N, C-alpha and C. Protein backbone atom coordinates (compact mmCIF):
# COMPACT_ATOMS: atom_id res chain seq x y z
N MET A 1 -3.35 -27.71 2.24
CA MET A 1 -3.70 -26.42 1.74
C MET A 1 -4.29 -25.35 2.73
N ILE A 2 -4.88 -25.87 3.69
CA ILE A 2 -5.44 -25.15 4.79
C ILE A 2 -4.35 -24.24 5.52
N THR A 3 -3.22 -24.88 5.82
CA THR A 3 -2.24 -24.27 6.62
C THR A 3 -1.59 -23.02 5.93
N PRO A 4 -1.38 -23.10 4.61
CA PRO A 4 -0.81 -21.87 4.06
C PRO A 4 -1.97 -20.62 4.06
N LEU A 5 -3.17 -21.05 3.81
CA LEU A 5 -4.25 -20.05 3.87
C LEU A 5 -4.49 -19.44 5.24
N ALA A 6 -4.33 -20.31 6.36
CA ALA A 6 -4.54 -19.83 7.67
C ALA A 6 -3.39 -18.81 8.03
N ILE A 7 -2.16 -19.19 7.56
CA ILE A 7 -1.13 -18.29 7.76
C ILE A 7 -1.25 -16.93 7.14
N ILE A 8 -1.75 -17.01 5.89
CA ILE A 8 -2.00 -15.73 5.17
C ILE A 8 -3.10 -14.88 5.83
N LEU A 9 -4.15 -15.60 6.37
CA LEU A 9 -5.10 -14.89 7.16
C LEU A 9 -4.51 -14.14 8.28
N ILE A 10 -3.77 -14.81 9.06
CA ILE A 10 -3.09 -14.27 10.35
C ILE A 10 -2.15 -13.12 9.93
N LEU A 11 -1.39 -13.38 9.01
CA LEU A 11 -0.45 -12.24 8.51
C LEU A 11 -1.11 -11.08 8.09
N ASN A 12 -2.35 -11.32 7.27
CA ASN A 12 -3.06 -10.15 6.84
C ASN A 12 -3.75 -9.43 8.06
N GLY A 13 -4.17 -10.12 9.15
CA GLY A 13 -4.76 -9.53 10.26
C GLY A 13 -3.68 -8.72 10.99
N VAL A 14 -2.45 -9.29 11.19
CA VAL A 14 -1.49 -8.56 11.92
C VAL A 14 -0.99 -7.36 11.16
N PHE A 15 -0.77 -7.50 9.79
CA PHE A 15 -0.45 -6.35 9.02
C PHE A 15 -1.47 -5.11 9.27
N ASN A 16 -2.72 -5.40 9.20
CA ASN A 16 -3.76 -4.50 9.31
C ASN A 16 -3.78 -3.87 10.59
N VAL A 17 -3.62 -4.57 11.75
CA VAL A 17 -3.48 -4.11 13.01
C VAL A 17 -2.32 -3.15 13.19
N ALA A 18 -1.27 -3.44 12.55
CA ALA A 18 -0.21 -2.52 12.58
C ALA A 18 -0.35 -1.30 11.78
N VAL A 19 -0.86 -1.33 10.62
CA VAL A 19 -0.85 -0.22 9.78
C VAL A 19 -2.08 0.81 9.97
N TRP A 20 -3.26 0.30 10.27
CA TRP A 20 -4.42 1.25 10.34
C TRP A 20 -4.33 2.18 11.54
N PRO A 21 -4.00 1.81 12.70
CA PRO A 21 -3.83 2.78 13.78
C PRO A 21 -2.89 3.95 13.47
N THR A 22 -1.70 3.60 12.82
CA THR A 22 -0.79 4.62 12.38
C THR A 22 -1.39 5.66 11.39
N PHE A 23 -2.17 5.08 10.46
CA PHE A 23 -2.81 5.77 9.48
C PHE A 23 -3.83 6.75 10.24
N PHE A 24 -4.62 6.21 11.07
CA PHE A 24 -5.68 7.13 11.78
C PHE A 24 -5.00 8.18 12.63
N ARG A 25 -3.84 7.92 13.22
CA ARG A 25 -3.22 8.96 14.04
C ARG A 25 -2.83 10.15 13.12
N ARG A 26 -2.38 9.74 11.82
CA ARG A 26 -2.07 10.73 10.82
C ARG A 26 -3.23 11.57 10.35
N VAL A 27 -4.35 10.78 10.14
CA VAL A 27 -5.60 11.58 9.85
C VAL A 27 -6.12 12.49 10.93
N ALA A 28 -5.92 12.04 12.11
CA ALA A 28 -6.40 12.74 13.30
C ALA A 28 -5.71 14.08 13.44
N ARG A 29 -4.41 14.08 13.07
CA ARG A 29 -3.58 15.26 13.11
C ARG A 29 -3.74 16.15 11.91
N ASP A 30 -4.43 15.82 10.94
CA ASP A 30 -4.71 16.57 9.64
C ASP A 30 -5.51 17.78 10.05
N PRO A 31 -5.22 18.89 9.40
CA PRO A 31 -6.07 20.14 9.72
C PRO A 31 -7.46 19.95 9.25
N ARG A 32 -7.81 19.10 8.40
CA ARG A 32 -9.18 18.94 7.96
C ARG A 32 -9.94 18.05 8.90
N ALA A 33 -9.39 17.44 10.05
CA ALA A 33 -10.06 16.53 10.87
C ALA A 33 -11.03 17.22 11.83
N ARG A 34 -10.70 18.54 12.06
CA ARG A 34 -11.59 19.23 13.01
C ARG A 34 -12.04 20.57 12.52
N ILE A 35 -13.14 21.02 12.72
CA ILE A 35 -13.72 22.29 12.47
C ILE A 35 -14.19 22.98 13.73
N ASP A 36 -13.50 23.98 14.14
CA ASP A 36 -13.84 24.65 15.42
C ASP A 36 -13.72 23.69 16.50
N GLY A 37 -12.81 22.82 16.48
CA GLY A 37 -12.60 21.82 17.72
C GLY A 37 -13.50 20.57 17.68
N LYS A 38 -14.44 20.62 16.69
CA LYS A 38 -15.40 19.52 16.66
C LYS A 38 -14.91 18.58 15.40
N PRO A 39 -15.15 17.20 15.65
CA PRO A 39 -14.76 16.29 14.48
C PRO A 39 -15.53 16.68 13.18
N SER A 40 -14.77 16.54 12.20
CA SER A 40 -15.36 16.91 10.80
C SER A 40 -15.85 15.69 10.25
N SER A 41 -16.57 15.67 9.09
CA SER A 41 -16.94 14.41 8.38
C SER A 41 -15.56 13.71 7.97
N PHE A 42 -14.69 14.51 7.64
CA PHE A 42 -13.44 13.71 7.20
C PHE A 42 -12.95 12.84 8.16
N LEU A 43 -12.89 13.35 9.52
CA LEU A 43 -12.47 12.40 10.62
C LEU A 43 -13.40 11.32 10.91
N ILE A 44 -14.76 11.60 10.82
CA ILE A 44 -15.72 10.54 11.06
C ILE A 44 -15.64 9.36 10.13
N VAL A 45 -15.59 9.78 8.82
CA VAL A 45 -15.51 8.67 7.62
C VAL A 45 -14.26 7.96 7.89
N HIS A 46 -13.20 8.62 8.14
CA HIS A 46 -11.94 7.78 8.36
C HIS A 46 -12.00 6.88 9.62
N ALA A 47 -12.54 7.39 10.59
CA ALA A 47 -12.76 6.50 11.84
C ALA A 47 -13.63 5.33 11.63
N VAL A 48 -14.66 5.49 10.80
CA VAL A 48 -15.47 4.21 10.36
C VAL A 48 -14.73 3.27 9.46
N ILE A 49 -14.00 3.83 8.62
CA ILE A 49 -13.10 3.04 7.71
C ILE A 49 -12.05 2.21 8.53
N VAL A 50 -11.50 2.87 9.49
CA VAL A 50 -10.34 2.14 10.23
C VAL A 50 -11.11 1.18 11.15
N SER A 51 -12.15 1.50 11.75
CA SER A 51 -12.99 0.64 12.66
C SER A 51 -13.28 -0.70 11.92
N ILE A 52 -13.91 -0.59 10.73
CA ILE A 52 -14.26 -1.70 9.94
C ILE A 52 -13.09 -2.63 9.59
N ALA A 53 -11.89 -1.91 9.17
CA ALA A 53 -10.65 -2.56 8.92
C ALA A 53 -10.20 -3.33 10.15
N LEU A 54 -10.27 -2.75 11.28
CA LEU A 54 -9.70 -3.41 12.54
C LEU A 54 -10.57 -4.62 12.86
N VAL A 55 -11.83 -4.46 12.67
CA VAL A 55 -12.86 -5.62 12.97
C VAL A 55 -12.56 -6.69 11.98
N LEU A 56 -12.41 -6.43 10.54
CA LEU A 56 -12.01 -7.48 9.68
C LEU A 56 -10.67 -8.11 9.94
N ALA A 57 -9.63 -7.26 10.42
CA ALA A 57 -8.43 -7.89 10.92
C ALA A 57 -8.59 -8.79 11.86
N ALA A 58 -9.31 -8.56 12.97
CA ALA A 58 -9.57 -9.42 14.08
C ALA A 58 -10.20 -10.74 13.53
N VAL A 59 -11.23 -10.58 12.77
CA VAL A 59 -11.89 -11.78 12.35
C VAL A 59 -11.01 -12.61 11.51
N SER A 60 -10.15 -12.01 10.72
CA SER A 60 -9.17 -12.63 10.02
C SER A 60 -8.11 -13.44 10.97
N ILE A 61 -7.66 -12.87 11.93
CA ILE A 61 -6.80 -13.63 12.86
C ILE A 61 -7.44 -14.65 13.50
N VAL A 62 -8.70 -14.45 14.01
CA VAL A 62 -9.45 -15.40 14.63
C VAL A 62 -9.64 -16.69 13.77
N VAL A 63 -10.12 -16.47 12.64
CA VAL A 63 -10.23 -17.55 11.63
C VAL A 63 -9.03 -18.22 11.21
N GLY A 64 -8.02 -17.46 11.08
CA GLY A 64 -6.75 -18.13 10.82
C GLY A 64 -6.19 -19.03 11.89
N ALA A 65 -6.36 -18.43 13.14
CA ALA A 65 -5.84 -19.30 14.28
C ALA A 65 -6.68 -20.49 14.45
N LEU A 66 -8.03 -20.28 14.33
CA LEU A 66 -8.94 -21.59 14.45
C LEU A 66 -8.68 -22.62 13.41
N SER A 67 -8.19 -22.19 12.10
CA SER A 67 -7.94 -22.99 11.21
C SER A 67 -6.69 -23.81 11.39
N LEU A 68 -5.70 -23.12 11.98
CA LEU A 68 -4.44 -23.71 12.19
C LEU A 68 -4.50 -24.71 13.32
N ILE A 69 -5.48 -24.51 14.32
CA ILE A 69 -5.57 -25.53 15.39
C ILE A 69 -6.61 -26.51 15.06
N GLY A 70 -7.20 -26.44 13.83
CA GLY A 70 -8.00 -27.52 13.39
C GLY A 70 -9.49 -27.47 13.87
N ILE A 71 -9.93 -26.24 14.32
CA ILE A 71 -11.37 -26.22 14.79
C ILE A 71 -12.15 -25.82 13.60
N TRP A 72 -11.68 -24.92 12.71
CA TRP A 72 -12.52 -24.35 11.74
C TRP A 72 -12.54 -25.26 10.46
């Protein structure tokens, strides 16, 4: 049962690493992202959300990989 769960964790992490940076590039190009050339709260909030998602993706990949090789 651990192997399918480890694979799901790894796939989840890879998916999030592929999707979130693309989303952030779209947010950064949005007109609401900057006010007078400075980052707006819209951009800052989305940067925090993307950062947290990428950290969770990395943790998911590491835990999945460790589970696959039997360390976790």
